[in-house]
């Protein structure tokens, strides 16, 4: 438990140092840069993240497609390829509006 806490504290310290050293304007920018690098190096990581959020109902098909930079048809294919459960349609009015915004 202590090791995990120390590692988390180290990560926060490193993040603050990236900002303090002037390499990034704020912690959010540093995190975005780190995530971009991770997703470029390991695209399957982003696919797993997005499909997991889609399956959990946190995002709709349109948002999932937008996050991966693909069409909704391509997103359906990705979901099939990964074995994710495909929603048959928007389950809530907010999902419908989200899908419409991302179409």
PDB file of N, CA and C in Angstrom:
ATOM      1  N   UNK A   1       0.833  -1.196   0.000  1.00  0.00           N
ATOM      2  CA  UNK A   1       0.000   0.000   0.000  1.00  0.00           C
ATOM      3  C   UNK A   1       0.872   1.251   0.000  1.00  0.00           C
ATOM      4  N   UNK A   2       1.905   1.268   0.816  1.00  0.00           N
ATOM      5  CA  UNK A   2       2.783   2.428   0.887  1.00  0.00           C
ATOM      6  C   UNK A   2       3.454   2.683  -0.454  1.00  0.00           C
ATOM      7  N   UNK A   3       3.902   1.613  -1.127  1.00  0.00           N
ATOM      8  CA  UNK A   3       4.574   1.786  -2.404  1.00  0.00           C
ATOM      9  C   UNK A   3       3.640   2.441  -3.428  1.00  0.00           C
ATOM     10  N   UNK A   4       2.383   2.028  -3.460  1.00  0.00           N
ATOM     11  CA  UNK A   4       1.424   2.613  -4.381  1.00  0.00           C
ATOM     12  C   UNK A   4       1.233   4.093  -4.096  1.00  0.00           C
ATOM     13  N   UNK A   5       1.114   4.448  -2.834  1.00  0.00           N
ATOM     14  CA  UNK A   5       0.959   5.843  -2.457  1.00  0.00           C
ATOM     15  C   UNK A   5       2.197   6.640  -2.851  1.00  0.00           C
ATOM     16  N   UNK A   6       3.381   6.080  -2.610  1.00  0.00           N
ATOM     17  CA  UNK A   6       4.609   6.773  -2.983  1.00  0.00           C
ATOM     18  C   UNK A   6       4.679   6.974  -4.487  1.00  0.00           C
ATOM     19  N   UNK A   7       4.285   5.975  -5.280  1.00  0.00           N
ATOM     20  CA  UNK A   7       4.299   6.102  -6.731  1.00  0.00           C
ATOM     21  C   UNK A   7       3.317   7.177  -7.188  1.00  0.00           C
ATOM     22  N   UNK A   8       2.142   7.226  -6.551  1.00  0.00           N
ATOM     23  CA  UNK A   8       1.158   8.245  -6.903  1.00  0.00           C
ATOM     24  C   UNK A   8       1.687   9.625  -6.552  1.00  0.00           C
ATOM     25  N   UNK A   9       2.295   9.751  -5.374  1.00  0.00           N
ATOM     26  CA  UNK A   9       2.868  11.033  -4.980  1.00  0.00           C
ATOM     27  C   UNK A   9       3.971  11.446  -5.940  1.00  0.00           C
ATOM     28  N   UNK A  10       4.774  10.503  -6.395  1.00  0.00           N
ATOM     29  CA  UNK A  10       5.836  10.797  -7.344  1.00  0.00           C
ATOM     30  C   UNK A  10       5.254  11.298  -8.656  1.00  0.00           C
ATOM     31  N   UNK A  11       4.191  10.665  -9.121  1.00  0.00           N
ATOM     32  CA  UNK A  11       3.555  11.087 -10.372  1.00  0.00           C
ATOM     33  C   UNK A  11       3.030  12.521 -10.254  1.00  0.00           C
ATOM     34  N   UNK A  12       2.397  12.839  -9.133  1.00  0.00           N
ATOM     35  CA  UNK A  12       1.916  14.211  -8.931  1.00  0.00           C
ATOM     36  C   UNK A  12       3.074  15.194  -8.852  1.00  0.00           C
ATOM     37  N   UNK A  13       4.144  14.812  -8.197  1.00  0.00           N
ATOM     38  CA  UNK A  13       5.321  15.676  -8.098  1.00  0.00           C
ATOM     39  C   UNK A  13       5.889  15.927  -9.494  1.00  0.00           C
ATOM     40  N   UNK A  14       6.013  14.864 -10.287  1.00  0.00           N
ATOM     41  CA  UNK A  14       6.548  15.012 -11.644  1.00  0.00           C
ATOM     42  C   UNK A  14       5.656  15.925 -12.486  1.00  0.00           C
ATOM     43  N   UNK A  15       4.376  15.760 -12.342  1.00  0.00           N
ATOM     44  CA  UNK A  15       3.428  16.602 -13.068  1.00  0.00           C
ATOM     45  C   UNK A  15       3.604  18.072 -12.693  1.00  0.00           C
ATOM     46  N   UNK A  16       3.689  18.331 -11.401  1.00  0.00           N
ATOM     47  CA  UNK A  16       3.899  19.715 -10.947  1.00  0.00           C
ATOM     48  C   UNK A  16       5.225  20.273 -11.454  1.00  0.00           C
ATOM     49  N   UNK A  17       6.247  19.434 -11.523  1.00  0.00           N
ATOM     50  CA  UNK A  17       7.557  19.891 -11.979  1.00  0.00           C
ATOM     51  C   UNK A  17       7.554  20.223 -13.473  1.00  0.00           C
ATOM     52  N   UNK A  18       6.778  19.492 -14.248  1.00  0.00           N
ATOM     53  CA  UNK A  18       6.666  19.814 -15.667  1.00  0.00           C
ATOM     54  C   UNK A  18       6.107  21.222 -15.867  1.00  0.00           C
ATOM     55  N   UNK A  19       5.169  21.584 -15.009  1.00  0.00           N
ATOM     56  CA  UNK A  19       4.589  22.933 -15.073  1.00  0.00           C
ATOM     57  C   UNK A  19       5.573  23.956 -14.516  1.00  0.00           C
ATOM     58  N   UNK A  20       6.161  23.655 -13.364  1.00  0.00           N
ATOM     59  CA  UNK A  20       7.090  24.592 -12.717  1.00  0.00           C
ATOM     60  C   UNK A  20       8.308  24.885 -13.589  1.00  0.00           C
ATOM     61  N   UNK A  21       8.730  23.900 -14.373  1.00  0.00           N
ATOM     62  CA  UNK A  21       9.907  24.095 -15.228  1.00  0.00           C
ATOM     63  C   UNK A  21       9.566  24.830 -16.520  1.00  0.00           C
ATOM     64  N   UNK A  22       8.290  25.171 -16.695  1.00  0.00           N
ATOM     65  CA  UNK A  22       7.875  25.954 -17.852  1.00  0.00           C
ATOM     66  C   UNK A  22       7.633  25.131 -19.110  1.00  0.00           C
ATOM     67  N   UNK A  23       7.644  23.817 -18.994  1.00  0.00           N
ATOM     68  CA  UNK A  23       7.446  22.989 -20.180  1.00  0.00           C
ATOM     69  C   UNK A  23       5.982  22.909 -20.607  1.00  0.00           C
ATOM     70  N   UNK A  24       5.088  23.132 -19.648  1.00  0.00           N
ATOM     71  CA  UNK A  24       3.650  23.123 -19.915  1.00  0.00           C
ATOM     72  C   UNK A  24       3.008  24.260 -19.139  1.00  0.00           C
ATOM     73  N   UNK A  25       1.935  24.844 -19.688  1.00  0.00           N
ATOM     74  CA  UNK A  25       1.294  25.962 -18.998  1.00  0.00           C
ATOM     75  C   UNK A  25       0.556  25.547 -17.729  1.00  0.00           C
ATOM     76  N   UNK A  26       0.072  24.302 -17.689  1.00  0.00           N
ATOM     77  CA  UNK A  26      -0.646  23.817 -16.515  1.00  0.00           C
ATOM     78  C   UNK A  26      -0.643  22.295 -16.508  1.00  0.00           C
ATOM     79  N   UNK A  27      -1.116  21.720 -15.410  1.00  0.00           N
ATOM     80  CA  UNK A  27      -1.101  20.263 -15.258  1.00  0.00           C
ATOM     81  C   UNK A  27      -1.983  19.576 -16.296  1.00  0.00           C
ATOM     82  N   UNK A  28      -3.088  20.204 -16.628  1.00  0.00           N
ATOM     83  CA  UNK A  28      -3.997  19.614 -17.622  1.00  0.00           C
ATOM     84  C   UNK A  28      -3.306  19.457 -18.971  1.00  0.00           C
ATOM     85  N   UNK A  29      -2.551  20.474 -19.374  1.00  0.00           N
ATOM     86  CA  UNK A  29      -1.831  20.402 -20.648  1.00  0.00           C
ATOM     87  C   UNK A  29      -0.779  19.294 -20.617  1.00  0.00           C
ATOM     88  N   UNK A  30      -0.109  19.135 -19.504  1.00  0.00           N
ATOM     89  CA  UNK A  30       0.893  18.072 -19.368  1.00  0.00           C
ATOM     90  C   UNK A  30       0.226  16.699 -19.449  1.00  0.00           C
ATOM     91  N   UNK A  31      -0.911  16.545 -18.788  1.00  0.00           N
ATOM     92  CA  UNK A  31      -1.634  15.276 -18.842  1.00  0.00           C
ATOM     93  C   UNK A  31      -2.124  14.967 -20.253  1.00  0.00           C
ATOM     94  N   UNK A  32      -2.662  15.974 -20.939  1.00  0.00           N
ATOM     95  CA  UNK A  32      -3.137  15.774 -22.315  1.00  0.00           C
ATOM     96  C   UNK A  32      -1.982  15.323 -23.207  1.00  0.00           C
ATOM     97  N   UNK A  33      -0.830  15.942 -23.030  1.00  0.00           N
ATOM     98  CA  UNK A  33       0.340  15.577 -23.824  1.00  0.00           C
ATOM     99  C   UNK A  33       0.758  14.130 -23.542  1.00  0.00           C
ATOM    100  N   UNK A  34       0.758  13.763 -22.280  1.00  0.00           N
ATOM    101  CA  UNK A  34       1.129  12.394 -21.906  1.00  0.00           C
ATOM    102  C   UNK A  34       0.138  11.380 -22.480  1.00  0.00           C
ATOM    103  N   UNK A  35      -1.142  11.702 -22.419  1.00  0.00           N
ATOM    104  CA  UNK A  35      -2.147  10.793 -22.973  1.00  0.00           C
ATOM    105  C   UNK A  35      -2.019  10.691 -24.492  1.00  0.00           C
ATOM    106  N   UNK A  36      -1.779  11.812 -25.169  1.00  0.00           N
ATOM    107  CA  UNK A  36      -1.583  11.777 -26.617  1.00  0.00           C
ATOM    108  C   UNK A  36      -0.424  10.851 -26.975  1.00  0.00           C
ATOM    109  N   UNK A  37       0.682  10.982 -26.236  1.00  0.00           N
ATOM    110  CA  UNK A  37       1.848  10.136 -26.488  1.00  0.00           C
ATOM    111  C   UNK A  37       1.512   8.664 -26.245  1.00  0.00           C
ATOM    112  N   UNK A  38       0.791   8.378 -25.166  1.00  0.00           N
ATOM    113  CA  UNK A  38       0.395   6.998 -24.872  1.00  0.00           C
ATOM    114  C   UNK A  38      -0.461   6.434 -25.996  1.00  0.00           C
ATOM    115  N   UNK A  39      -1.461   7.201 -26.434  1.00  0.00           N
ATOM    116  CA  UNK A  39      -2.377   6.712 -27.455  1.00  0.00           C
ATOM    117  C   UNK A  39      -1.698   6.577 -28.812  1.00  0.00           C
ATOM    118  N   UNK A  40      -0.704   7.423 -29.100  1.00  0.00           N
ATOM    119  CA  UNK A  40       0.051   7.281 -30.344  1.00  0.00           C
ATOM    120  C   UNK A  40       0.907   6.026 -30.309  1.00  0.00           C
ATOM    121  N   UNK A  41       1.508   5.768 -29.171  1.00  0.00           N
ATOM    122  CA  UNK A  41       2.362   4.587 -29.038  1.00  0.00           C
ATOM    123  C   UNK A  41       1.553   3.301 -28.960  1.00  0.00           C
ATOM    124  N   UNK A  42       0.369   3.392 -28.360  1.00  0.00           N
ATOM    125  CA  UNK A  42      -0.459   2.203 -28.139  1.00  0.00           C
ATOM    126  C   UNK A  42      -1.919   2.513 -28.491  1.00  0.00           C
ATOM    127  N   UNK A  43      -2.242   2.566 -29.791  1.00  0.00           N
ATOM    128  CA  UNK A  43      -3.617   2.895 -30.193  1.00  0.00           C
ATOM    129  C   UNK A  43      -4.656   1.943 -29.604  1.00  0.00           C
ATOM    130  N   UNK A  44      -4.272   0.695 -29.367  1.00  0.00           N
ATOM    131  CA  UNK A  44      -5.232  -0.262 -28.813  1.00  0.00           C
ATOM    132  C   UNK A  44      -5.662   0.134 -27.402  1.00  0.00           C
ATOM    133  N   UNK A  45      -4.811   0.876 -26.694  1.00  0.00           N
ATOM    134  CA  UNK A  45      -5.176   1.348 -25.357  1.00  0.00           C
ATOM    135  C   UNK A  45      -6.367   2.307 -25.441  1.00  0.00           C
ATOM    136  N   UNK A  46      -6.326   3.212 -26.406  1.00  0.00           N
ATOM    137  CA  UNK A  46      -7.435   4.154 -26.564  1.00  0.00           C
ATOM    138  C   UNK A  46      -8.697   3.427 -27.022  1.00  0.00           C
ATOM    139  N   UNK A  47      -8.532   2.447 -27.909  1.00  0.00           N
ATOM    140  CA  UNK A  47      -9.689   1.681 -28.373  1.00  0.00           C
ATOM    141  C   UNK A  47     -10.339   0.960 -27.202  1.00  0.00           C
ATOM    142  N   UNK A  48      -9.536   0.321 -26.353  1.00  0.00           N
ATOM    143  CA  UNK A  48     -10.090  -0.378 -25.183  1.00  0.00           C
ATOM    144  C   UNK A  48     -10.779   0.596 -24.242  1.00  0.00           C
ATOM    145  N   UNK A  49     -10.183   1.775 -24.032  1.00  0.00           N
ATOM    146  CA  UNK A  49     -10.782   2.772 -23.151  1.00  0.00           C
ATOM    147  C   UNK A  49     -12.150   3.211 -23.685  1.00  0.00           C
ATOM    148  N   UNK A  50     -12.200   3.525 -24.968  1.00  0.00           N
ATOM    149  CA  UNK A  50     -13.439   4.022 -25.570  1.00  0.00           C
ATOM    150  C   UNK A  50     -14.499   2.928 -25.616  1.00  0.00           C
ATOM    151  N   UNK A  51     -14.129   1.715 -26.012  1.00  0.00           N
ATOM    152  CA  UNK A  51     -15.130   0.648 -26.064  1.00  0.00           C
ATOM    153  C   UNK A  51     -15.645   0.305 -24.673  1.00  0.00           C
ATOM    154  N   UNK A  52     -14.797   0.372 -23.678  1.00  0.00           N
ATOM    155  CA  UNK A  52     -15.231   0.125 -22.302  1.00  0.00           C
ATOM    156  C   UNK A  52     -16.236   1.181 -21.855  1.00  0.00           C
ATOM    157  N   UNK A  53     -15.947   2.439 -22.151  1.00  0.00           N
ATOM    158  CA  UNK A  53     -16.874   3.521 -21.789  1.00  0.00           C
ATOM    159  C   UNK A  53     -18.191   3.374 -22.544  1.00  0.00           C
ATOM    160  N   UNK A  54     -18.114   2.965 -23.806  1.00  0.00           N
ATOM    161  CA  UNK A  54     -19.329   2.738 -24.592  1.00  0.00           C
ATOM    162  C   UNK A  54     -20.165   1.615 -23.982  1.00  0.00           C
ATOM    163  N   UNK A  55     -19.522   0.494 -23.676  1.00  0.00           N
ATOM    164  CA  UNK A  55     -20.244  -0.644 -23.091  1.00  0.00           C
ATOM    165  C   UNK A  55     -20.881  -0.285 -21.757  1.00  0.00           C
ATOM    166  N   UNK A  56     -20.198   0.550 -20.975  1.00  0.00           N
ATOM    167  CA  UNK A  56     -20.719   0.949 -19.667  1.00  0.00           C
ATOM    168  C   UNK A  56     -21.846   1.972 -19.787  1.00  0.00           C
ATOM    169  N   UNK A  57     -22.090   2.458 -20.998  1.00  0.00           N
ATOM    170  CA  UNK A  57     -23.154   3.433 -21.201  1.00  0.00           C
ATOM    171  C   UNK A  57     -22.743   4.849 -20.856  1.00  0.00           C
ATOM    172  N   UNK A  58     -21.453   5.075 -20.673  1.00  0.00           N
ATOM    173  CA  UNK A  58     -20.979   6.425 -20.345  1.00  0.00           C
ATOM    174  C   UNK A  58     -20.967   7.329 -21.569  1.00  0.00           C
ATOM    175  N   UNK A  59     -20.802   6.743 -22.743  1.00  0.00           N
ATOM    176  CA  UNK A  59     -20.825   7.497 -23.996  1.00  0.00           C
ATOM    177  C   UNK A  59     -21.627   6.718 -25.019  1.00  0.00           C
ATOM    178  N   UNK A  60     -22.169   7.432 -25.982  1.00  0.00           N
ATOM    179  CA  UNK A  60     -22.917   6.800 -27.050  1.00  0.00           C
ATOM    180  C   UNK A  60     -22.023   6.486 -28.234  1.00  0.00           C
ATOM    181  N   UNK A  61     -22.601   5.906 -29.260  1.00  0.00           N
ATOM    182  CA  UNK A  61     -21.858   5.523 -30.450  1.00  0.00           C
ATOM    183  C   UNK A  61     -21.219   6.731 -31.123  1.00  0.00           C
ATOM    184  N   UNK A  62     -21.964   7.834 -31.213  1.00  0.00           N
ATOM    185  CA  UNK A  62     -21.430   9.037 -31.860  1.00  0.00           C
ATOM    186  C   UNK A  62     -20.203   9.578 -31.146  1.00  0.00           C
ATOM    187  N   UNK A  63     -20.263   9.647 -29.832  1.00  0.00           N
ATOM    188  CA  UNK A  63     -19.127  10.142 -29.045  1.00  0.00           C
ATOM    189  C   UNK A  63     -17.948   9.178 -29.164  1.00  0.00           C
ATOM    190  N   UNK A  64     -18.218   7.875 -29.106  1.00  0.00           N
ATOM    191  CA  UNK A  64     -17.152   6.879 -29.236  1.00  0.00           C
ATOM    192  C   UNK A  64     -16.454   7.035 -30.578  1.00  0.00           C
ATOM    193  N   UNK A  65     -17.239   7.190 -31.636  1.00  0.00           N
ATOM    194  CA  UNK A  65     -16.669   7.367 -32.968  1.00  0.00           C
ATOM    195  C   UNK A  65     -15.835   8.645 -33.034  1.00  0.00           C
ATOM    196  N   UNK A  66     -16.366   9.720 -32.457  1.00  0.00           N
ATOM    197  CA  UNK A  66     -15.639  10.993 -32.475  1.00  0.00           C
ATOM    198  C   UNK A  66     -14.317  10.889 -31.718  1.00  0.00           C
ATOM    199  N   UNK A  67     -14.326  10.218 -30.577  1.00  0.00           N
ATOM    200  CA  UNK A  67     -13.101  10.071 -29.787  1.00  0.00           C
ATOM    201  C   UNK A  67     -12.023   9.295 -30.538  1.00  0.00           C
ATOM    202  N   UNK A  68     -12.443   8.341 -31.369  1.00  0.00           N
ATOM    203  CA  UNK A  68     -11.470   7.560 -32.132  1.00  0.00           C
ATOM    204  C   UNK A  68     -11.216   8.136 -33.518  1.00  0.00           C
ATOM    205  N   UNK A  69     -11.976   9.172 -33.881  1.00  0.00           N
ATOM    206  CA  UNK A  69     -11.770   9.807 -35.184  1.00  0.00           C
ATOM    207  C   UNK A  69     -12.213   8.929 -36.342  1.00  0.00           C
ATOM    208  N   UNK A  70     -13.295   8.186 -36.136  1.00  0.00           N
ATOM    209  CA  UNK A  70     -13.820   7.306 -37.180  1.00  0.00           C
ATOM    210  C   UNK A  70     -15.301   7.586 -37.385  1.00  0.00           C
ATOM    211  N   UNK A  71     -15.852   7.038 -38.469  1.00  0.00           N
ATOM    212  CA  UNK A  71     -17.291   7.177 -38.703  1.00  0.00           C
ATOM    213  C   UNK A  71     -18.046   6.238 -37.762  1.00  0.00           C
ATOM    214  N   UNK A  72     -19.347   6.451 -37.659  1.00  0.00           N
ATOM    215  CA  UNK A  72     -20.144   5.579 -36.816  1.00  0.00           C
ATOM    216  C   UNK A  72     -20.165   4.148 -37.367  1.00  0.00           C
ATOM    217  N   UNK A  73     -20.122   4.009 -38.678  1.00  0.00           N
ATOM    218  CA  UNK A  73     -20.064   2.678 -39.273  1.00  0.00           C
ATOM    219  C   UNK A  73     -18.753   1.988 -38.895  1.00  0.00           C
ATOM    220  N   UNK A  74     -17.653   2.733 -38.956  1.00  0.00           N
ATOM    221  CA  UNK A  74     -16.361   2.167 -38.558  1.00  0.00           C
ATOM    222  C   UNK A  74     -16.355   1.825 -37.071  1.00  0.00           C
ATOM    223  N   UNK A  75     -17.007   2.655 -36.271  1.00  0.00           N
ATOM    224  CA  UNK A  75     -17.072   2.394 -34.832  1.00  0.00           C
ATOM    225  C   UNK A  75     -17.837   1.105 -34.573  1.00  0.00           C
ATOM    226  N   UNK A  76     -18.917   0.893 -35.290  1.00  0.00           N
ATOM    227  CA  UNK A  76     -19.658  -0.362 -35.146  1.00  0.00           C
ATOM    228  C   UNK A  76     -18.765  -1.554 -35.463  1.00  0.00           C
ATOM    229  N   UNK A  77     -17.944  -1.428 -36.495  1.00  0.00           N
ATOM    230  CA  UNK A  77     -17.026  -2.509 -36.866  1.00  0.00           C
ATOM    231  C   UNK A  77     -15.988  -2.741 -35.771  1.00  0.00           C
ATOM    232  N   UNK A  78     -15.458  -1.669 -35.205  1.00  0.00           N
ATOM    233  CA  UNK A  78     -14.494  -1.790 -34.099  1.00  0.00           C
ATOM    234  C   UNK A  78     -15.144  -2.505 -32.919  1.00  0.00           C
ATOM    235  N   UNK A  79     -16.378  -2.131 -32.598  1.00  0.00           N
ATOM    236  CA  UNK A  79     -17.087  -2.768 -31.494  1.00  0.00           C
ATOM    237  C   UNK A  79     -17.282  -4.258 -31.753  1.00  0.00           C
ATOM    238  N   UNK A  80     -17.642  -4.600 -32.985  1.00  0.00           N
ATOM    239  CA  UNK A  80     -17.806  -6.023 -33.327  1.00  0.00           C
ATOM    240  C   UNK A  80     -16.470  -6.756 -33.210  1.00  0.00           C
ATOM    241  N   UNK A  81     -15.408  -6.149 -33.734  1.00  0.00           N
ATOM    242  CA  UNK A  81     -14.085  -6.784 -33.708  1.00  0.00           C
ATOM    243  C   UNK A  81     -13.578  -7.011 -32.286  1.00  0.00           C
ATOM    244  N   UNK A  82     -13.912  -6.093 -31.387  1.00  0.00           N
ATOM    245  CA  UNK A  82     -13.436  -6.215 -30.006  1.00  0.00           C
ATOM    246  C   UNK A  82     -14.380  -7.043 -29.137  1.00  0.00           C
ATOM    247  N   UNK A  83     -15.505  -7.449 -29.705  1.00  0.00           N
ATOM    248  CA  UNK A  83     -16.456  -8.253 -28.946  1.00  0.00           C
ATOM    249  C   UNK A  83     -17.299  -7.446 -27.980  1.00  0.00           C
ATOM    250  N   UNK A  84     -17.323  -6.136 -28.154  1.00  0.00           N
ATOM    251  CA  UNK A  84     -18.116  -5.276 -27.265  1.00  0.00           C
ATOM    252  C   UNK A  84     -19.602  -5.443 -27.572  1.00  0.00           C
ATOM    253  N   UNK A  85     -20.403  -5.260 -26.542  1.00  0.00           N
ATOM    254  CA  UNK A  85     -21.860  -5.312 -26.691  1.00  0.00           C
ATOM    255  C   UNK A  85     -22.307  -4.024 -27.374  1.00  0.00           C
ATOM    256  N   UNK A  86     -22.991  -4.160 -28.495  1.00  0.00           N
ATOM    257  CA  UNK A  86     -23.437  -2.995 -29.257  1.00  0.00           C
ATOM    258  C   UNK A  86     -24.832  -2.594 -28.806  1.00  0.00           C
ATOM    259  N   UNK A  87     -24.976  -1.320 -28.462  1.00  0.00           N
ATOM    260  CA  UNK A  87     -26.296  -0.795 -28.084  1.00  0.00           C
ATOM    261  C   UNK A  87     -27.139  -0.689 -29.346  1.00  0.00           C
ATOM    262  N   UNK A  88     -28.391  -0.965 -29.226  1.00  0.00           N
ATOM    263  CA  UNK A  88     -29.268  -0.929 -30.384  1.00  0.00           C
ATOM    264  C   UNK A  88     -29.712   0.482 -30.745  1.00  0.00           C
ATOM    265  N   UNK A  89     -29.513   1.412 -29.886  1.00  0.00           N
ATOM    266  CA  UNK A  89     -29.894   2.796 -30.149  1.00  0.00           C
ATOM    267  C   UNK A  89     -29.733   3.599 -28.883  1.00  0.00           C
ATOM    268  N   UNK A  90     -29.928   4.900 -28.987  1.00  0.00           N
ATOM    269  CA  UNK A  90     -29.813   5.744 -27.790  1.00  0.00           C
ATOM    270  C   UNK A  90     -30.797   5.268 -26.723  1.00  0.00           C
ATOM    271  N   UNK A  91     -30.307   5.181 -25.499  1.00  0.00           N
ATOM    272  CA  UNK A  91     -31.120   4.695 -24.392  1.00  0.00           C
ATOM    273  C   UNK A  91     -31.780   5.833 -23.612  1.00  0.00           C
ATOM    274  N   UNK A  92     -31.245   7.038 -23.774  1.00  0.00           N
ATOM    275  CA  UNK A  92     -31.783   8.188 -23.055  1.00  0.00           C
ATOM    276  C   UNK A  92     -31.865   9.372 -24.014  1.00  0.00           C
ATOM    277  N   UNK A  93     -32.664  10.389 -23.670  1.00  0.00           N
ATOM    278  CA  UNK A  93     -32.705  11.595 -24.508  1.00  0.00           C
ATOM    279  C   UNK A  93     -31.312  12.246 -24.648  1.00  0.00           C
ATOM    280  N   UNK A  94     -30.520  12.204 -23.589  1.00  0.00           N
ATOM    281  CA  UNK A  94     -29.178  12.784 -23.663  1.00  0.00           C
ATOM    282  C   UNK A  94     -28.311  12.015 -24.663  1.00  0.00           C
ATOM    283  N   UNK A  95     -28.401  10.680 -24.673  1.00  0.00           N
ATOM    284  CA  UNK A  95     -27.654   9.891 -25.653  1.00  0.00           C
ATOM    285  C   UNK A  95     -28.087  10.249 -27.070  1.00  0.00           C
ATOM    286  N   UNK A  96     -29.384  10.453 -27.271  1.00  0.00           N
ATOM    287  CA  UNK A  96     -29.897  10.832 -28.596  1.00  0.00           C
ATOM    288  C   UNK A  96     -29.316  12.172 -29.001  1.00  0.00           C
ATOM    289  N   UNK A  97     -29.325  13.157 -28.093  1.00  0.00           N
ATOM    290  CA  UNK A  97     -28.764  14.472 -28.409  1.00  0.00           C
ATOM    291  C   UNK A  97     -27.259  14.357 -28.669  1.00  0.00           C
ATOM    292  N   UNK A  98     -26.557  13.558 -27.870  1.00  0.00           N
ATOM    293  CA  UNK A  98     -25.111  13.370 -28.048  1.00  0.00           C
ATOM    294  C   UNK A  98     -24.826  12.748 -29.409  1.00  0.00           C
ATOM    295  N   UNK A  99     -25.565  11.721 -29.770  1.00  0.00           N
ATOM    296  CA  UNK A  99     -25.373  11.102 -31.070  1.00  0.00           C
ATOM    297  C   UNK A  99     -25.630  12.091 -32.193  1.00  0.00           C
ATOM    298  N   UNK A 100     -26.676  12.914 -32.042  1.00  0.00           N
ATOM    299  CA  UNK A 100     -26.982  13.913 -33.053  1.00  0.00           C
ATOM    300  C   UNK A 100     -25.869  14.946 -33.177  1.00  0.00           C
ATOM    301  N   UNK A 101     -25.309  15.370 -32.042  1.00  0.00           N
ATOM    302  CA  UNK A 101     -24.206  16.343 -32.074  1.00  0.00           C
ATOM    303  C   UNK A 101     -22.972  15.782 -32.749  1.00  0.00           C
ATOM    304  N   UNK A 102     -22.725  14.490 -32.546  1.00  0.00           N
ATOM    305  CA  UNK A 102     -21.506  13.874 -33.072  1.00  0.00           C
ATOM    306  C   UNK A 102     -21.665  13.279 -34.466  1.00  0.00           C
ATOM    307  N   UNK A 103     -22.872  13.331 -34.999  1.00  0.00           N
ATOM    308  CA  UNK A 103     -23.097  12.746 -36.327  1.00  0.00           C
ATOM    309  C   UNK A 103     -22.485  13.591 -37.419  1.00  0.00           C
TER     310      UNK A 103
END
